[in-house]
């Protein structure tokens, strides 16, 4: 793992919430805070191009 080359931001997770073909690119800080509060855990936003 220490020899892998990652583009930032990236991460490993226990689960994901995937949104396919969103109407916009990023959630704003207030939306991320509301999602974190609903889940009871901090969240990170990582985009993937598949």
C-alpha atoms as a PDB file:
ATOM      1  CA  UNK A   1       0.000   0.000   0.000  1.00  0.00           C
ATOM      2  CA  UNK A   2       2.824   2.439   0.749  1.00  0.00           C
ATOM      3  CA  UNK A   3       3.972   2.314  -2.891  1.00  0.00           C
ATOM      4  CA  UNK A   4       0.600   3.236  -4.412  1.00  0.00           C
ATOM      5  CA  UNK A   5       0.323   6.674  -6.013  1.00  0.00           C
ATOM      6  CA  UNK A   6      -3.013   8.350  -5.201  1.00  0.00           C
ATOM      7  CA  UNK A   7      -4.497  11.539  -6.626  1.00  0.00           C
ATOM      8  CA  UNK A   8      -5.794  13.734  -3.818  1.00  0.00           C
ATOM      9  CA  UNK A   9      -8.466  13.596  -2.395  1.00  0.00           C
ATOM     10  CA  UNK A  10      -8.864   9.866  -2.018  1.00  0.00           C
ATOM     11  CA  UNK A  11      -9.725   7.512   0.772  1.00  0.00           C
ATOM     12  CA  UNK A  12     -10.774   4.130   2.026  1.00  0.00           C
ATOM     13  CA  UNK A  13     -14.178   3.625   3.604  1.00  0.00           C
ATOM     14  CA  UNK A  14     -16.344   1.051   5.292  1.00  0.00           C
ATOM     15  CA  UNK A  15     -19.291   2.108   3.166  1.00  0.00           C
ATOM     16  CA  UNK A  16     -20.168   4.676   0.560  1.00  0.00           C
ATOM     17  CA  UNK A  17     -23.099   6.776  -0.496  1.00  0.00           C
ATOM     18  CA  UNK A  18     -22.926   6.997  -4.281  1.00  0.00           C
ATOM     19  CA  UNK A  19     -24.764   9.588  -6.342  1.00  0.00           C
ATOM     20  CA  UNK A  20     -24.768   8.884 -10.068  1.00  0.00           C
ATOM     21  CA  UNK A  21     -25.008  11.737 -12.592  1.00  0.00           C
ATOM     22  CA  UNK A  22     -25.545  14.571 -10.122  1.00  0.00           C
ATOM     23  CA  UNK A  23     -26.834  17.925 -11.329  1.00  0.00           C
ATOM     24  CA  UNK A  24     -23.807  19.630  -9.724  1.00  0.00           C
ATOM     25  CA  UNK A  25     -20.245  18.800  -8.826  1.00  0.00           C
ATOM     26  CA  UNK A  26     -19.793  19.328  -5.037  1.00  0.00           C
ATOM     27  CA  UNK A  27     -21.870  19.493  -1.846  1.00  0.00           C
ATOM     28  CA  UNK A  28     -21.252  22.670   0.151  1.00  0.00           C
ATOM     29  CA  UNK A  29     -19.998  22.690   3.756  1.00  0.00           C
ATOM     30  CA  UNK A  30     -23.501  23.150   5.235  1.00  0.00           C
ATOM     31  CA  UNK A  31     -24.811  20.127   3.310  1.00  0.00           C
ATOM     32  CA  UNK A  32     -21.857  17.990   4.406  1.00  0.00           C
ATOM     33  CA  UNK A  33     -22.380  19.089   8.024  1.00  0.00           C
ATOM     34  CA  UNK A  34     -26.082  18.168   7.830  1.00  0.00           C
ATOM     35  CA  UNK A  35     -25.230  14.764   6.369  1.00  0.00           C
ATOM     36  CA  UNK A  36     -22.603  14.157   9.068  1.00  0.00           C
ATOM     37  CA  UNK A  37     -25.106  15.126  11.765  1.00  0.00           C
ATOM     38  CA  UNK A  38     -27.726  12.762  10.330  1.00  0.00           C
ATOM     39  CA  UNK A  39     -25.207   9.897  10.188  1.00  0.00           C
ATOM     40  CA  UNK A  40     -23.616  10.725  13.531  1.00  0.00           C
ATOM     41  CA  UNK A  41     -20.144  10.577  12.001  1.00  0.00           C
ATOM     42  CA  UNK A  42     -17.852  12.920  10.029  1.00  0.00           C
ATOM     43  CA  UNK A  43     -18.050  12.551   6.256  1.00  0.00           C
ATOM     44  CA  UNK A  44     -15.697  13.286   3.370  1.00  0.00           C
ATOM     45  CA  UNK A  45     -16.576  14.087  -0.205  1.00  0.00           C
ATOM     46  CA  UNK A  46     -14.568  12.240  -2.825  1.00  0.00           C
ATOM     47  CA  UNK A  47     -15.431  12.374  -6.502  1.00  0.00           C
ATOM     48  CA  UNK A  48     -14.803   9.442  -8.812  1.00  0.00           C
ATOM     49  CA  UNK A  49     -14.727   9.407 -12.582  1.00  0.00           C
ATOM     50  CA  UNK A  50     -15.797   5.994 -13.817  1.00  0.00           C
END
